[in-house]
N, C-alpha and C. Protein backbone atom coordinates (compact mmCIF):
# COMPACT_ATOMS: atom_id res chain seq x y z
N MET A 1 105.90 94.11 103.39
CA MET A 1 106.96 94.01 102.33
C MET A 1 106.68 94.26 100.90
N MET A 2 107.36 94.90 100.22
CA MET A 2 107.19 95.15 98.72
C MET A 2 108.37 94.29 98.01
N ILE A 3 107.91 93.63 97.07
CA ILE A 3 108.92 92.97 96.22
C ILE A 3 109.40 93.93 95.14
N GLN A 4 110.89 94.08 94.85
CA GLN A 4 111.13 94.89 93.86
C GLN A 4 110.69 94.21 92.48
N GLY A 5 110.09 95.11 91.48
CA GLY A 5 109.76 94.44 90.18
C GLY A 5 108.19 93.86 90.28
N SER A 6 107.49 93.81 91.32
CA SER A 6 106.40 93.48 91.29
C SER A 6 105.25 94.50 90.89
N ASN A 7 104.14 94.08 90.64
CA ASN A 7 103.06 95.18 90.39
C ASN A 7 101.74 94.95 91.46
N ASN A 8 102.20 94.54 92.49
CA ASN A 8 101.09 94.48 93.55
C ASN A 8 100.74 95.71 94.23
N PRO A 9 99.61 96.08 94.26
CA PRO A 9 99.09 97.42 94.82
C PRO A 9 99.45 97.37 96.29
N LEU A 10 99.69 98.67 96.84
CA LEU A 10 99.76 98.89 98.32
C LEU A 10 98.43 98.87 98.92
N VAL A 11 98.08 98.24 99.78
CA VAL A 11 96.68 97.98 100.41
C VAL A 11 96.92 98.68 101.87
N ILE A 12 96.30 99.93 102.03
CA ILE A 12 96.36 100.53 103.44
C ILE A 12 95.35 100.62 104.09
N GLN A 13 95.29 100.15 105.53
CA GLN A 13 94.06 100.16 106.40
C GLN A 13 94.43 101.22 107.45
N PHE A 14 93.53 102.17 107.37
CA PHE A 14 93.46 103.27 108.25
C PHE A 14 92.80 102.84 109.61
N ASP A 15 93.00 103.72 110.49
CA ASP A 15 92.33 103.48 111.82
C ASP A 15 91.01 104.11 111.91
N GLN A 16 90.64 104.64 110.74
CA GLN A 16 89.23 105.26 110.78
C GLN A 16 88.78 105.15 109.20
N ALA A 17 87.40 105.31 109.00
CA ALA A 17 87.06 105.53 107.59
C ALA A 17 87.73 106.82 106.92
N VAL A 18 88.00 106.36 105.69
CA VAL A 18 88.62 107.65 104.81
C VAL A 18 87.97 107.90 103.52
N ASP A 19 86.85 107.09 103.45
CA ASP A 19 86.04 107.52 102.16
C ASP A 19 85.11 108.60 102.09
N SER A 20 85.09 109.31 103.25
CA SER A 20 84.27 110.45 103.30
C SER A 20 85.21 111.82 103.32
N LEU A 21 86.53 111.53 103.26
CA LEU A 21 87.36 112.71 103.32
C LEU A 21 87.48 113.30 101.93
N PRO A 22 87.43 114.69 101.87
CA PRO A 22 87.35 115.37 100.63
C PRO A 22 88.79 115.51 99.96
N GLN A 23 89.83 115.27 100.71
CA GLN A 23 91.11 114.88 100.07
C GLN A 23 91.96 113.92 100.83
N LEU A 24 92.63 113.15 100.10
CA LEU A 24 93.36 112.14 101.01
C LEU A 24 94.68 111.84 99.91
N VAL A 25 95.92 112.06 100.56
CA VAL A 25 97.17 111.91 99.60
C VAL A 25 98.04 110.99 100.42
N VAL A 26 98.65 110.04 99.59
CA VAL A 26 99.52 109.00 99.95
C VAL A 26 100.87 109.08 99.21
N SER A 27 101.96 109.09 100.04
CA SER A 27 103.27 109.33 99.35
C SER A 27 104.18 108.26 99.74
N LEU A 28 105.14 107.85 98.84
CA LEU A 28 105.98 106.88 99.10
C LEU A 28 107.43 107.58 98.84
N TRP A 29 108.34 107.44 99.79
CA TRP A 29 109.59 108.10 99.98
C TRP A 29 110.62 107.19 99.97
N SER A 30 111.81 107.52 99.35
CA SER A 30 113.16 106.72 99.63
C SER A 30 113.78 107.12 100.74
N ALA A 31 114.69 106.05 101.29
CA ALA A 31 115.40 106.52 102.53
C ALA A 31 116.14 107.71 102.60
N SER A 32 116.52 108.19 101.46
CA SER A 32 117.24 109.61 101.20
C SER A 32 116.30 110.72 101.25
N GLY A 33 114.88 110.44 101.27
CA GLY A 33 113.95 111.53 101.27
C GLY A 33 113.50 111.86 99.83
N ALA A 34 113.77 111.00 98.87
CA ALA A 34 113.41 111.62 97.41
C ALA A 34 111.91 110.87 97.37
N SER A 35 111.08 111.61 96.85
CA SER A 35 109.66 111.16 96.49
C SER A 35 109.56 110.29 95.40
N LEU A 36 109.13 109.00 95.52
CA LEU A 36 109.06 107.84 94.68
C LEU A 36 107.62 107.89 94.05
N LYS A 37 106.64 108.14 94.64
CA LYS A 37 105.21 108.12 93.99
C LYS A 37 104.24 108.86 95.04
N THR A 38 103.29 109.57 94.45
CA THR A 38 102.36 110.18 95.22
C THR A 38 100.91 109.80 94.64
N TRP A 39 100.04 109.34 95.39
CA TRP A 39 98.56 109.17 94.96
C TRP A 39 97.59 109.97 95.54
N ALA A 40 96.77 110.62 94.76
CA ALA A 40 95.58 111.44 95.28
C ALA A 40 94.40 110.67 95.32
N LEU A 41 93.31 111.12 95.73
CA LEU A 41 92.17 110.39 95.76
C LEU A 41 91.77 109.69 94.29
N PRO A 42 91.81 110.56 93.12
CA PRO A 42 91.29 109.82 92.00
C PRO A 42 92.36 108.82 91.59
N ASP A 43 93.56 108.69 92.11
CA ASP A 43 94.67 107.63 91.69
C ASP A 43 94.36 106.42 92.62
N MET A 44 93.35 106.55 93.46
CA MET A 44 93.35 105.10 94.30
C MET A 44 91.96 104.75 94.76
N MET A 45 91.66 103.54 94.99
CA MET A 45 90.57 103.02 95.20
C MET A 45 90.33 102.99 96.79
N VAL A 46 89.22 103.71 97.20
CA VAL A 46 89.05 103.82 98.59
C VAL A 46 87.67 103.19 99.03
N ASP A 47 87.57 102.43 100.14
CA ASP A 47 86.47 101.75 100.55
C ASP A 47 86.57 101.68 102.03
N GLY A 48 85.64 102.42 102.74
CA GLY A 48 85.57 102.57 104.16
C GLY A 48 87.09 103.00 104.71
N ASP A 49 87.67 102.14 105.55
CA ASP A 49 89.10 102.56 106.10
C ASP A 49 90.21 102.11 105.22
N THR A 50 89.95 101.48 103.98
CA THR A 50 90.99 100.97 103.27
C THR A 50 91.28 101.82 101.92
N ALA A 51 92.39 101.96 101.52
CA ALA A 51 92.89 102.51 100.33
C ALA A 51 93.72 101.58 99.54
N VAL A 52 93.63 101.30 98.41
CA VAL A 52 94.36 100.78 97.44
C VAL A 52 95.19 101.50 96.42
N CYS A 53 96.44 101.47 96.44
CA CYS A 53 97.21 102.34 95.77
C CYS A 53 98.06 101.62 94.78
N PRO A 54 97.78 101.57 93.43
CA PRO A 54 98.33 100.72 92.40
C PRO A 54 99.69 101.10 92.28
N LEU A 55 100.72 100.16 91.87
CA LEU A 55 102.01 100.16 91.54
C LEU A 55 102.23 99.53 90.23
N ALA A 56 103.03 100.25 89.44
CA ALA A 56 103.50 99.40 88.13
C ALA A 56 104.73 98.56 88.36
N GLU A 57 104.92 97.43 87.57
CA GLU A 57 106.17 96.92 87.57
C GLU A 57 107.31 97.77 87.57
N SER A 58 107.26 98.71 86.54
CA SER A 58 108.47 99.37 86.25
C SER A 58 108.77 100.47 87.53
N GLU A 59 107.72 100.66 88.28
CA GLU A 59 107.89 101.68 89.38
C GLU A 59 108.61 100.88 90.44
N THR A 60 108.13 99.83 90.77
CA THR A 60 108.69 98.90 91.81
C THR A 60 110.25 98.53 91.60
N ALA A 61 110.51 98.09 90.27
CA ALA A 61 111.65 97.75 89.73
C ALA A 61 112.76 98.88 89.91
N ALA A 62 112.41 99.95 89.90
CA ALA A 62 113.36 101.23 89.96
C ALA A 62 113.70 101.56 91.47
N ILE A 63 112.90 101.04 92.48
CA ILE A 63 113.03 101.25 93.66
C ILE A 63 114.27 100.69 94.30
N GLY A 64 115.37 101.22 94.81
CA GLY A 64 116.45 100.75 95.41
C GLY A 64 116.48 101.04 96.92
N GLY A 65 117.34 100.17 97.32
CA GLY A 65 117.28 100.37 99.02
C GLY A 65 116.57 99.27 99.64
N ALA A 66 116.94 99.33 100.87
CA ALA A 66 116.21 98.17 101.80
C ALA A 66 114.83 98.59 102.26
N LYS A 67 114.46 99.89 102.30
CA LYS A 67 113.24 100.36 102.73
C LYS A 67 112.80 101.42 102.28
N VAL A 68 111.25 101.79 102.29
CA VAL A 68 110.67 103.17 101.88
C VAL A 68 109.90 103.49 102.82
N THR A 69 109.57 104.75 102.68
CA THR A 69 108.56 105.31 103.77
C THR A 69 107.22 105.55 103.23
N LEU A 70 106.14 105.28 103.87
CA LEU A 70 104.75 105.56 103.42
C LEU A 70 104.20 106.58 104.31
N GLU A 71 103.65 107.70 103.81
CA GLU A 71 103.12 108.77 104.61
C GLU A 71 101.64 108.92 104.11
N ALA A 72 100.67 109.36 104.78
CA ALA A 72 99.39 109.73 104.42
C ALA A 72 98.96 110.82 105.19
N LYS A 73 98.15 111.63 104.36
CA LYS A 73 97.46 112.89 105.06
C LYS A 73 96.22 113.32 104.43
N GLY A 74 95.34 113.82 104.97
CA GLY A 74 93.94 114.12 104.41
C GLY A 74 93.50 115.53 104.97
N LEU A 75 92.27 115.86 104.30
CA LEU A 75 91.61 116.99 104.96
C LEU A 75 90.19 116.47 105.38
N ASP A 76 89.77 116.96 106.53
CA ASP A 76 88.36 116.60 106.78
C ASP A 76 87.40 117.30 106.35
N GLY A 77 86.17 116.97 106.65
CA GLY A 77 85.08 118.03 106.23
C GLY A 77 85.12 119.36 106.80
N SER A 78 85.93 119.68 107.79
CA SER A 78 85.88 120.99 108.31
C SER A 78 87.27 121.67 107.81
N GLY A 79 87.89 121.21 106.96
CA GLY A 79 89.26 121.67 106.47
C GLY A 79 90.38 121.42 107.26
N ASN A 80 90.27 120.47 108.28
CA ASN A 80 91.28 120.32 109.18
C ASN A 80 92.36 119.34 108.63
N THR A 81 93.62 119.44 108.47
CA THR A 81 94.52 118.28 108.06
C THR A 81 94.64 117.26 109.01
N VAL A 82 94.66 115.97 108.57
CA VAL A 82 94.50 114.90 109.20
C VAL A 82 95.88 114.01 108.87
N PHE A 83 96.74 113.88 109.98
CA PHE A 83 98.02 113.12 109.51
C PHE A 83 98.00 111.68 110.09
N TRP A 84 98.64 110.61 109.49
CA TRP A 84 98.80 109.34 110.17
C TRP A 84 100.24 109.22 110.21
N ASP A 85 100.70 108.25 111.20
CA ASP A 85 102.05 107.89 111.43
C ASP A 85 102.68 107.37 110.10
N SER A 86 103.87 107.79 109.92
CA SER A 86 104.51 106.99 108.73
C SER A 86 105.00 105.64 109.04
N VAL A 87 104.88 104.83 108.08
CA VAL A 87 105.19 103.68 107.98
C VAL A 87 106.30 103.09 107.14
N ASN A 88 107.46 102.37 107.71
CA ASN A 88 108.52 101.79 106.81
C ASN A 88 108.01 100.55 106.11
N ILE A 89 108.38 100.42 104.87
CA ILE A 89 108.08 99.40 104.04
C ILE A 89 109.37 98.59 103.63
N TYR A 90 109.63 97.34 104.12
CA TYR A 90 110.89 96.94 103.55
C TYR A 90 110.61 96.40 102.06
N VAL A 91 111.75 96.64 101.31
CA VAL A 91 111.80 96.17 99.97
C VAL A 91 112.76 95.01 99.71
N LYS A 92 112.19 93.88 99.19
CA LYS A 92 112.82 92.80 98.87
C LYS A 92 113.54 92.81 97.41
N SER A 93 114.73 93.01 97.55
CA SER A 93 115.53 93.16 96.14
C SER A 93 115.45 91.99 95.48
N ARG A 94 115.40 92.19 94.08
CA ARG A 94 115.23 90.82 93.17
C ARG A 94 116.46 91.36 92.10
N GLN A 95 117.22 90.23 91.68
CA GLN A 95 118.05 90.42 90.76
C GLN A 95 117.50 90.16 89.52
N ASP A 96 116.43 89.72 89.13
CA ASP A 96 115.63 89.43 87.91
C ASP A 96 114.46 90.50 87.63
N ARG A 97 115.04 91.86 87.76
CA ARG A 97 114.05 92.86 87.72
C ARG A 97 113.38 92.91 86.40
N ILE A 98 114.05 92.42 85.30
CA ILE A 98 113.37 92.35 83.99
C ILE A 98 113.53 91.03 83.41
N ILE A 99 112.33 90.47 82.97
CA ILE A 99 112.40 89.08 82.35
C ILE A 99 111.88 89.43 80.84
N ARG A 100 112.74 89.26 79.90
CA ARG A 100 112.27 89.55 78.38
C ARG A 100 111.69 88.03 77.99
N LEU A 101 110.58 87.92 77.60
CA LEU A 101 109.85 86.81 77.03
C LEU A 101 109.98 87.20 75.33
N THR A 102 110.43 86.09 74.59
CA THR A 102 110.28 86.19 73.20
C THR A 102 109.66 85.12 72.60
N GLY A 103 108.85 85.26 71.52
CA GLY A 103 108.23 84.23 71.00
C GLY A 103 109.21 83.50 69.95
N ALA A 104 108.84 82.20 69.74
CA ALA A 104 109.81 81.34 68.87
C ALA A 104 109.14 81.64 67.21
């Protein structure tokens, strides 16, 4: 689950080690098929079978709808494309997307 307006990263655990792949791309898509965010290897932290994809508060606040789809693909050392099944992530809508704090 993703909470609208949060800045928690997406932590993806693959079924195999991905830290040796020369290329890895993770994409987040809206229910209508619009691209919301794409991470390439330099944009994420990868360790073994886990990739951490950062998200800013402003990015998650702009996500509308009840779910988004996460897709990942990469290239192995032989140049073959590796695909993983897409995953639906449910987005918990928040009414307080922006909280402005002011000093006294």
